[in-house]
Amino acid sequence: MPVRLEVGRLSRETPAAAPAFPRTSLRVRASNPNHHLWNNNGTWYVHYTVHPTPLTKSRIRASLETKSLDVARRRRDEILQRAGACL
């Protein structure tokens, strides 16, 4: 049940806790096979967002420790699969 907060003349309801939390924000686009990847001076990194509660989020960024795009995609897929399975 939402909690009603009143501050001065302003009133706002907080969102009720959703059973789908925590969750990750994963988007897969066939038009962009490199989604969640970026290249920093030749080394590939993965980044994604985790929502531990309805009101918070945490951005995860980690080096994939490779210069190969194919290896980076495989490692990204493994990381995102594990991240989704943990939640």
PDB file of N, CA and C in Angstrom:
ATOM      1  N   MET A   1       0.839  -1.176   0.000  1.00  0.00           N
ATOM      2  CA  MET A   1       0.000   0.000   0.000  1.00  0.00           C
ATOM      3  C   MET A   1       0.883   1.237   0.000  1.00  0.00           C
ATOM      4  N   PRO A   2       0.626   2.211  -0.898  1.00  0.00           N
ATOM      5  CA  PRO A   2       1.438   3.424  -0.937  1.00  0.00           C
ATOM      6  C   PRO A   2       1.315   4.230   0.342  1.00  0.00           C
ATOM      7  N   VAL A   3       2.384   4.908   0.703  1.00  0.00           N
ATOM      8  CA  VAL A   3       2.397   5.775   1.871  1.00  0.00           C
ATOM      9  C   VAL A   3       2.232   7.204   1.395  1.00  0.00           C
ATOM     10  N   ARG A   4       1.355   7.945   2.052  1.00  0.00           N
ATOM     11  CA  ARG A   4       1.108   9.332   1.657  1.00  0.00           C
ATOM     12  C   ARG A   4       2.052  10.245   2.429  1.00  0.00           C
ATOM     13  N   LEU A   5       2.834  11.039   1.709  1.00  0.00           N
ATOM     14  CA  LEU A   5       3.758  11.996   2.308  1.00  0.00           C
ATOM     15  C   LEU A   5       3.199  13.398   2.126  1.00  0.00           C
ATOM     16  N   GLU A   6       3.259  14.184   3.175  1.00  0.00           N
ATOM     17  CA  GLU A   6       2.795  15.562   3.067  1.00  0.00           C
ATOM     18  C   GLU A   6       3.906  16.483   3.530  1.00  0.00           C
ATOM     19  N   VAL A   7       4.281  17.404   2.671  1.00  0.00           N
ATOM     20  CA  VAL A   7       5.316  18.389   2.968  1.00  0.00           C
ATOM     21  C   VAL A   7       4.720  19.741   2.661  1.00  0.00           C
ATOM     22  N   GLY A   8       4.443  20.512   3.728  1.00  0.00           N
ATOM     23  CA  GLY A   8       3.804  21.815   3.503  1.00  0.00           C
ATOM     24  C   GLY A   8       2.464  21.596   2.830  1.00  0.00           C
ATOM     25  N   ARG A   9       2.279  22.229   1.691  1.00  0.00           N
ATOM     26  CA  ARG A   9       1.037  22.086   0.952  1.00  0.00           C
ATOM     27  C   ARG A   9       1.123  21.022  -0.129  1.00  0.00           C
ATOM     28  N   LEU A  10       2.317  20.467  -0.335  1.00  0.00           N
ATOM     29  CA  LEU A  10       2.496  19.438  -1.357  1.00  0.00           C
ATOM     30  C   LEU A  10       2.225  18.064  -0.763  1.00  0.00           C
ATOM     31  N   SER A  11       1.641  17.218  -1.544  1.00  0.00           N
ATOM     32  CA  SER A  11       1.343  15.860  -1.120  1.00  0.00           C
ATOM     33  C   SER A  11       1.755  14.914  -2.234  1.00  0.00           C
ATOM     34  N   ARG A  12       2.380  13.827  -1.864  1.00  0.00           N
ATOM     35  CA  ARG A  12       2.851  12.873  -2.865  1.00  0.00           C
ATOM     36  C   ARG A  12       2.748  11.467  -2.306  1.00  0.00           C
ATOM     37  N   GLU A  13       2.410  10.506  -3.158  1.00  0.00           N
ATOM     38  CA  GLU A  13       2.374   9.112  -2.735  1.00  0.00           C
ATOM     39  C   GLU A  13       3.645   8.416  -3.192  1.00  0.00           C
ATOM     40  N   THR A  14       4.214   7.605  -2.313  1.00  0.00           N
ATOM     41  CA  THR A  14       5.373   6.810  -2.699  1.00  0.00           C
ATOM     42  C   THR A  14       4.872   5.570  -3.415  1.00  0.00           C
ATOM     43  N   PRO A  15       5.608   5.064  -4.379  1.00  0.00           N
ATOM     44  CA  PRO A  15       5.164   3.847  -5.069  1.00  0.00           C
ATOM     45  C   PRO A  15       5.167   2.648  -4.130  1.00  0.00           C
ATOM     46  N   ALA A  16       4.210   1.804  -4.298  1.00  0.00           N
ATOM     47  CA  ALA A  16       4.168   0.569  -3.515  1.00  0.00           C
ATOM     48  C   ALA A  16       5.293  -0.347  -3.980  1.00  0.00           C
ATOM     49  N   ALA A  17       5.802  -1.147  -3.061  1.00  0.00           N
ATOM     50  CA  ALA A  17       6.868  -2.084  -3.423  1.00  0.00           C
ATOM     51  C   ALA A  17       6.336  -3.087  -4.439  1.00  0.00           C
ATOM     52  N   ALA A  18       7.059  -3.249  -5.505  1.00  0.00           N
ATOM     53  CA  ALA A  18       6.642  -4.161  -6.563  1.00  0.00           C
ATOM     54  C   ALA A  18       7.339  -5.503  -6.376  1.00  0.00           C
ATOM     55  N   PRO A  19       6.648  -6.595  -6.633  1.00  0.00           N
ATOM     56  CA  PRO A  19       7.277  -7.907  -6.454  1.00  0.00           C
ATOM     57  C   PRO A  19       8.370  -8.191  -7.476  1.00  0.00           C
ATOM     58  N   ALA A  20       8.500  -7.355  -8.520  1.00  0.00           N
ATOM     59  CA  ALA A  20       9.491  -7.593  -9.565  1.00  0.00           C
ATOM     60  C   ALA A  20      10.858  -7.001  -9.233  1.00  0.00           C
ATOM     61  N   PHE A  21      11.089  -6.562  -8.010  1.00  0.00           N
ATOM     62  CA  PHE A  21      12.361  -5.960  -7.650  1.00  0.00           C
ATOM     63  C   PHE A  21      13.134  -6.910  -6.772  1.00  0.00           C
ATOM     64  N   PRO A  22      14.452  -6.958  -6.831  1.00  0.00           N
ATOM     65  CA  PRO A  22      15.311  -6.214  -7.742  1.00  0.00           C
ATOM     66  C   PRO A  22      15.208  -6.748  -9.167  1.00  0.00           C
ATOM     67  N   ARG A  23      15.614  -5.928 -10.099  1.00  0.00           N
ATOM     68  CA  ARG A  23      15.591  -6.337 -11.501  1.00  0.00           C
ATOM     69  C   ARG A  23      16.699  -5.638 -12.265  1.00  0.00           C
ATOM     70  N   THR A  24      17.034  -6.186 -13.415  1.00  0.00           N
ATOM     71  CA  THR A  24      18.020  -5.564 -14.289  1.00  0.00           C
ATOM     72  C   THR A  24      17.295  -4.914 -15.453  1.00  0.00           C
ATOM     73  N   SER A  25      17.915  -3.907 -16.016  1.00  0.00           N
ATOM     74  CA  SER A  25      17.357  -3.247 -17.186  1.00  0.00           C
ATOM     75  C   SER A  25      18.159  -3.716 -18.391  1.00  0.00           C
ATOM     76  N   LEU A  26      17.607  -4.663 -19.124  1.00  0.00           N
ATOM     77  CA  LEU A  26      18.300  -5.237 -20.269  1.00  0.00           C
ATOM     78  C   LEU A  26      17.484  -4.992 -21.529  1.00  0.00           C
ATOM     79  N   ARG A  27      18.123  -4.464 -22.523  1.00  0.00           N
ATOM     80  CA  ARG A  27      17.457  -4.254 -23.804  1.00  0.00           C
ATOM     81  C   ARG A  27      18.251  -4.970 -24.873  1.00  0.00           C
ATOM     82  N   VAL A  28      17.551  -5.679 -25.707  1.00  0.00           N
ATOM     83  CA  VAL A  28      18.192  -6.395 -26.803  1.00  0.00           C
ATOM     84  C   VAL A  28      17.631  -5.844 -28.098  1.00  0.00           C
ATOM     85  N   ARG A  29      18.498  -5.353 -28.925  1.00  0.00           N
ATOM     86  CA  ARG A  29      18.090  -4.813 -30.213  1.00  0.00           C
ATOM     87  C   ARG A  29      18.862  -5.519 -31.314  1.00  0.00           C
ATOM     88  N   ALA A  30      18.138  -6.127 -32.211  1.00  0.00           N
ATOM     89  CA  ALA A  30      18.786  -6.813 -33.327  1.00  0.00           C
ATOM     90  C   ALA A  30      19.570  -5.830 -34.188  1.00  0.00           C
ATOM     91  N   SER A  31      19.123  -4.582 -34.226  1.00  0.00           N
ATOM     92  CA  SER A  31      19.804  -3.577 -35.041  1.00  0.00           C
ATOM     93  C   SER A  31      21.119  -3.113 -34.421  1.00  0.00           C
ATOM     94  N   ASN A  32      21.355  -3.442 -33.129  1.00  0.00           N
ATOM     95  CA  ASN A  32      22.585  -3.025 -32.455  1.00  0.00           C
ATOM     96  C   ASN A  32      23.156  -4.195 -31.655  1.00  0.00           C
ATOM     97  N   PRO A  33      23.954  -5.059 -32.288  1.00  0.00           N
ATOM     98  CA  PRO A  33      24.503  -6.219 -31.578  1.00  0.00           C
ATOM     99  C   PRO A  33      25.530  -5.840 -30.511  1.00  0.00           C
ATOM    100  N   ASN A  34      25.950  -4.581 -30.478  1.00  0.00           N
ATOM    101  CA  ASN A  34      26.939  -4.137 -29.490  1.00  0.00           C
ATOM    102  C   ASN A  34      26.305  -3.395 -28.313  1.00  0.00           C
ATOM    103  N   HIS A  35      24.994  -3.536 -28.138  1.00  0.00           N
ATOM    104  CA  HIS A  35      24.330  -2.865 -27.032  1.00  0.00           C
ATOM    105  C   HIS A  35      24.915  -3.363 -25.718  1.00  0.00           C
ATOM    106  N   HIS A  36      25.100  -2.493 -24.758  1.00  0.00           N
ATOM    107  CA  HIS A  36      25.734  -2.752 -23.462  1.00  0.00           C
ATOM    108  C   HIS A  36      27.249  -2.843 -23.565  1.00  0.00           C
ATOM    109  N   LEU A  37      27.821  -2.569 -24.731  1.00  0.00           N
ATOM    110  CA  LEU A  37      29.276  -2.606 -24.904  1.00  0.00           C
ATOM    111  C   LEU A  37      29.801  -1.230 -25.275  1.00  0.00           C
ATOM    112  N   TRP A  38      31.012  -0.917 -24.814  1.00  0.00           N
ATOM    113  CA  TRP A  38      31.697   0.244 -25.341  1.00  0.00           C
ATOM    114  C   TRP A  38      33.195  -0.005 -25.323  1.00  0.00           C
ATOM    115  N   ASN A  39      33.862   0.631 -26.263  1.00  0.00           N
ATOM    116  CA  ASN A  39      35.299   0.453 -26.448  1.00  0.00           C
ATOM    117  C   ASN A  39      36.011   1.667 -25.874  1.00  0.00           C
ATOM    118  N   ASN A  40      36.905   1.420 -24.930  1.00  0.00           N
ATOM    119  CA  ASN A  40      37.670   2.486 -24.308  1.00  0.00           C
ATOM    120  C   ASN A  40      39.150   2.243 -24.593  1.00  0.00           C
ATOM    121  N   ASN A  41      39.688   2.973 -25.543  1.00  0.00           N
ATOM    122  CA  ASN A  41      41.103   2.848 -25.923  1.00  0.00           C
ATOM    123  C   ASN A  41      41.487   1.423 -26.292  1.00  0.00           C
ATOM    124  N   GLY A  42      40.586   0.734 -26.999  1.00  0.00           N
ATOM    125  CA  GLY A  42      40.897  -0.607 -27.486  1.00  0.00           C
ATOM    126  C   GLY A  42      40.414  -1.736 -26.602  1.00  0.00           C
ATOM    127  N   THR A  43      40.019  -1.457 -25.367  1.00  0.00           N
ATOM    128  CA  THR A  43      39.523  -2.488 -24.461  1.00  0.00           C
ATOM    129  C   THR A  43      38.007  -2.379 -24.358  1.00  0.00           C
ATOM    130  N   TRP A  44      37.306  -3.513 -24.471  1.00  0.00           N
ATOM    131  CA  TRP A  44      35.851  -3.522 -24.418  1.00  0.00           C
ATOM    132  C   TRP A  44      35.350  -3.590 -22.984  1.00  0.00           C
ATOM    133  N   TYR A  45      34.281  -2.837 -22.711  1.00  0.00           N
ATOM    134  CA  TYR A  45      33.618  -2.791 -21.409  1.00  0.00           C
ATOM    135  C   TYR A  45      32.146  -3.123 -21.585  1.00  0.00           C
ATOM    136  N   VAL A  46      31.538  -3.627 -20.518  1.00  0.00           N
ATOM    137  CA  VAL A  46      30.099  -3.872 -20.484  1.00  0.00           C
ATOM    138  C   VAL A  46      29.485  -2.900 -19.481  1.00  0.00           C
ATOM    139  N   HIS A  47      28.273  -2.457 -19.765  1.00  0.00           N
ATOM    140  CA  HIS A  47      27.551  -1.635 -18.791  1.00  0.00           C
ATOM    141  C   HIS A  47      26.070  -1.961 -18.860  1.00  0.00           C
ATOM    142  N   TYR A  48      25.453  -2.014 -17.671  1.00  0.00           N
ATOM    143  CA  TYR A  48      24.015  -2.278 -17.571  1.00  0.00           C
ATOM    144  C   TYR A  48      23.524  -1.690 -16.261  1.00  0.00           C
ATOM    145  N   THR A  49      22.206  -1.670 -16.071  1.00  0.00           N
ATOM    146  CA  THR A  49      21.604  -1.052 -14.902  1.00  0.00           C
ATOM    147  C   THR A  49      20.820  -2.075 -14.106  1.00  0.00           C
ATOM    148  N   VAL A  50      20.997  -2.036 -12.780  1.00  0.00           N
ATOM    149  CA  VAL A  50      20.245  -2.879 -11.861  1.00  0.00           C
ATOM    150  C   VAL A  50      19.347  -1.965 -11.036  1.00  0.00           C
ATOM    151  N   HIS A  51      18.083  -2.376 -10.847  1.00  0.00           N
ATOM    152  CA  HIS A  51      17.134  -1.624 -10.027  1.00  0.00           C
ATOM    153  C   HIS A  51      16.863  -2.434  -8.755  1.00  0.00           C
ATOM    154  N   PRO A  52      17.598  -2.166  -7.655  1.00  0.00           N
ATOM    155  CA  PRO A  52      17.396  -2.950  -6.434  1.00  0.00           C
ATOM    156  C   PRO A  52      16.048  -2.685  -5.764  1.00  0.00           C
ATOM    157  N   THR A  53      15.504  -1.492  -5.919  1.00  0.00           N
ATOM    158  CA  THR A  53      14.186  -1.142  -5.386  1.00  0.00           C
ATOM    159  C   THR A  53      13.481  -0.287  -6.430  1.00  0.00           C
ATOM    160  N   PRO A  54      12.185  -0.042  -6.266  1.00  0.00           N
ATOM    161  CA  PRO A  54      11.489   0.807  -7.236  1.00  0.00           C
ATOM    162  C   PRO A  54      12.030   2.240  -7.291  1.00  0.00           C
ATOM    163  N   LEU A  55      12.726   2.672  -6.248  1.00  0.00           N
ATOM    164  CA  LEU A  55      13.189   4.057  -6.184  1.00  0.00           C
ATOM    165  C   LEU A  55      14.673   4.248  -6.439  1.00  0.00           C
ATOM    166  N   THR A  56      15.415   3.173  -6.608  1.00  0.00           N
ATOM    167  CA  THR A  56      16.857   3.302  -6.792  1.00  0.00           C
ATOM    168  C   THR A  56      17.330   2.515  -8.003  1.00  0.00           C
ATOM    169  N   LYS A  57      18.513   2.905  -8.488  1.00  0.00           N
ATOM    170  CA  LYS A  57      19.144   2.147  -9.561  1.00  0.00           C
ATOM    171  C   LYS A  57      20.649   2.213  -9.373  1.00  0.00           C
ATOM    172  N   SER A  58      21.314   1.234  -9.928  1.00  0.00           N
ATOM    173  CA  SER A  58      22.764   1.161  -9.837  1.00  0.00           C
ATOM    174  C   SER A  58      23.305   0.788 -11.206  1.00  0.00           C
ATOM    175  N   ARG A  59      24.236   1.572 -11.689  1.00  0.00           N
ATOM    176  CA  ARG A  59      24.845   1.277 -12.984  1.00  0.00           C
ATOM    177  C   ARG A  59      26.088   0.434 -12.765  1.00  0.00           C
ATOM    178  N   ILE A  60      26.158  -0.659 -13.483  1.00  0.00           N
ATOM    179  CA  ILE A  60      27.286  -1.579 -13.388  1.00  0.00           C
ATOM    180  C   ILE A  60      28.125  -1.408 -14.642  1.00  0.00           C
ATOM    181  N   ARG A  61      29.418  -1.177 -14.456  1.00  0.00           N
ATOM    182  CA  ARG A  61      30.358  -1.071 -15.572  1.00  0.00           C
ATOM    183  C   ARG A  61      31.582  -1.907 -15.227  1.00  0.00           C
ATOM    184  N   ALA A  62      32.010  -2.714 -16.194  1.00  0.00           N
ATOM    185  CA  ALA A  62      33.155  -3.586 -15.927  1.00  0.00           C
ATOM    186  C   ALA A  62      33.930  -3.833 -17.212  1.00  0.00           C
ATOM    187  N   SER A  63      35.237  -3.954 -17.070  1.00  0.00           N
ATOM    188  CA  SER A  63      36.091  -4.274 -18.200  1.00  0.00           C
ATOM    189  C   SER A  63      35.902  -5.731 -18.577  1.00  0.00           C
ATOM    190  N   LEU A  64      35.834  -5.993 -19.863  1.00  0.00           N
ATOM    191  CA  LEU A  64      35.775  -7.365 -20.356  1.00  0.00           C
ATOM    192  C   LEU A  64      37.171  -7.910 -20.641  1.00  0.00           C
ATOM    193  N   GLU A  65      38.176  -7.067 -20.464  1.00  0.00           N
ATOM    194  CA  GLU A  65      39.587  -7.438 -20.583  1.00  0.00           C
ATOM    195  C   GLU A  65      39.903  -8.118 -21.903  1.00  0.00           C
ATOM    196  N   THR A  66      39.376  -7.538 -22.978  1.00  0.00           N
ATOM    197  CA  THR A  66      39.674  -8.064 -24.308  1.00  0.00           C
ATOM    198  C   THR A  66      39.637  -6.930 -25.318  1.00  0.00           C
ATOM    199  N   LYS A  67      40.370  -7.112 -26.382  1.00  0.00           N
ATOM    200  CA  LYS A  67      40.347  -6.168 -27.494  1.00  0.00           C
ATOM    201  C   LYS A  67      39.544  -6.721 -28.666  1.00  0.00           C
ATOM    202  N   SER A  68      39.084  -7.960 -28.541  1.00  0.00           N
ATOM    203  CA  SER A  68      38.320  -8.629 -29.589  1.00  0.00           C
ATOM    204  C   SER A  68      36.821  -8.393 -29.381  1.00  0.00           C
ATOM    205  N   LEU A  69      36.147  -7.903 -30.408  1.00  0.00           N
ATOM    206  CA  LEU A  69      34.711  -7.657 -30.318  1.00  0.00           C
ATOM    207  C   LEU A  69      33.936  -8.962 -30.148  1.00  0.00           C
ATOM    208  N   ASP A  70      34.330 -10.015 -30.834  1.00  0.00           N
ATOM    209  CA  ASP A  70      33.635 -11.298 -30.703  1.00  0.00           C
ATOM    210  C   ASP A  70      33.721 -11.845 -29.283  1.00  0.00           C
ATOM    211  N   VAL A  71      34.905 -11.780 -28.690  1.00  0.00           N
ATOM    212  CA  VAL A  71      35.085 -12.245 -27.312  1.00  0.00           C
ATOM    213  C   VAL A  71      34.281 -11.349 -26.367  1.00  0.00           C
ATOM    214  N   ALA A  72      34.281 -10.046 -26.617  1.00  0.00           N
ATOM    215  CA  ALA A  72      33.533  -9.102 -25.774  1.00  0.00           C
ATOM    216  C   ALA A  72      32.041  -9.413 -25.804  1.00  0.00           C
ATOM    217  N   ARG A  73      31.496  -9.716 -26.964  1.00  0.00           N
ATOM    218  CA  ARG A  73      30.069 -10.059 -27.061  1.00  0.00           C
ATOM    219  C   ARG A  73      29.751 -11.324 -26.266  1.00  0.00           C
ATOM    220  N   ARG A  74      30.608 -12.336 -26.373  1.00  0.00           N
ATOM    221  CA  ARG A  74      30.380 -13.582 -25.620  1.00  0.00           C
ATOM    222  C   ARG A  74      30.437 -13.325 -24.122  1.00  0.00           C
ATOM    223  N   ARG A  75      31.444 -12.569 -23.672  1.00  0.00           N
ATOM    224  CA  ARG A  75      31.573 -12.281 -22.246  1.00  0.00           C
ATOM    225  C   ARG A  75      30.405 -11.434 -21.754  1.00  0.00           C
ATOM    226  N   ARG A  76      29.975 -10.468 -22.563  1.00  0.00           N
ATOM    227  CA  ARG A  76      28.806  -9.643 -22.211  1.00  0.00           C
ATOM    228  C   ARG A  76      27.576 -10.528 -22.020  1.00  0.00           C
ATOM    229  N   ASP A  77      27.355 -11.440 -22.962  1.00  0.00           N
ATOM    230  CA  ASP A  77      26.195 -12.323 -22.877  1.00  0.00           C
ATOM    231  C   ASP A  77      26.242 -13.188 -21.617  1.00  0.00           C
ATOM    232  N   GLU A  78      27.417 -13.695 -21.267  1.00  0.00           N
ATOM    233  CA  GLU A  78      27.563 -14.505 -20.054  1.00  0.00           C
ATOM    234  C   GLU A  78      27.279 -13.677 -18.805  1.00  0.00           C
ATOM    235  N   ILE A  79      27.802 -12.464 -18.759  1.00  0.00           N
ATOM    236  CA  ILE A  79      27.602 -11.586 -17.599  1.00  0.00           C
ATOM    237  C   ILE A  79      26.135 -11.228 -17.445  1.00  0.00           C
ATOM    238  N   LEU A  80      25.479 -10.850 -18.537  1.00  0.00           N
ATOM    239  CA  LEU A  80      24.075 -10.461 -18.444  1.00  0.00           C
ATOM    240  C   LEU A  80      23.190 -11.662 -18.103  1.00  0.00           C
ATOM    241  N   GLN A  81      23.560 -12.839 -18.580  1.00  0.00           N
ATOM    242  CA  GLN A  81      22.799 -14.035 -18.236  1.00  0.00           C
ATOM    243  C   GLN A  81      22.919 -14.320 -16.732  1.00  0.00           C
ATOM    244  N   ARG A  82      24.136 -14.219 -16.191  1.00  0.00           N
ATOM    245  CA  ARG A  82      24.325 -14.426 -14.759  1.00  0.00           C
ATOM    246  C   ARG A  82      23.627 -13.354 -13.929  1.00  0.00           C
ATOM    247  N   ALA A  83      23.676 -12.107 -14.390  1.00  0.00           N
ATOM    248  CA  ALA A  83      23.027 -11.001 -13.671  1.00  0.00           C
ATOM    249  C   ALA A  83      21.520 -11.226 -13.615  1.00  0.00           C
ATOM    250  N   GLY A  84      20.943 -11.660 -14.696  1.00  0.00           N
ATOM    251  CA  GLY A  84      19.511 -11.928 -14.729  1.00  0.00           C
ATOM    252  C   GLY A  84      19.127 -13.126 -13.867  1.00  0.00           C
ATOM    253  N   ALA A  85      19.989 -14.135 -13.803  1.00  0.00           N
ATOM    254  CA  ALA A  85      19.697 -15.330 -13.027  1.00  0.00           C
ATOM    255  C   ALA A  85      19.803 -15.086 -11.528  1.00  0.00           C
ATOM    256  N   CYS A  86      20.606 -14.106 -11.122  1.00  0.00           N
ATOM    257  CA  CYS A  86      20.781 -13.813  -9.696  1.00  0.00           C
ATOM    258  C   CYS A  86      19.597 -13.098  -9.095  1.00  0.00           C
ATOM    259  N   LEU A  87      18.767 -12.527  -9.945  1.00  0.00           N
ATOM    260  CA  LEU A  87      17.661 -11.698  -9.428  1.00  0.00           C
ATOM    261  C   LEU A  87      16.382 -12.435  -9.328  1.00  0.00           C
TER     262      LEU A  87
END
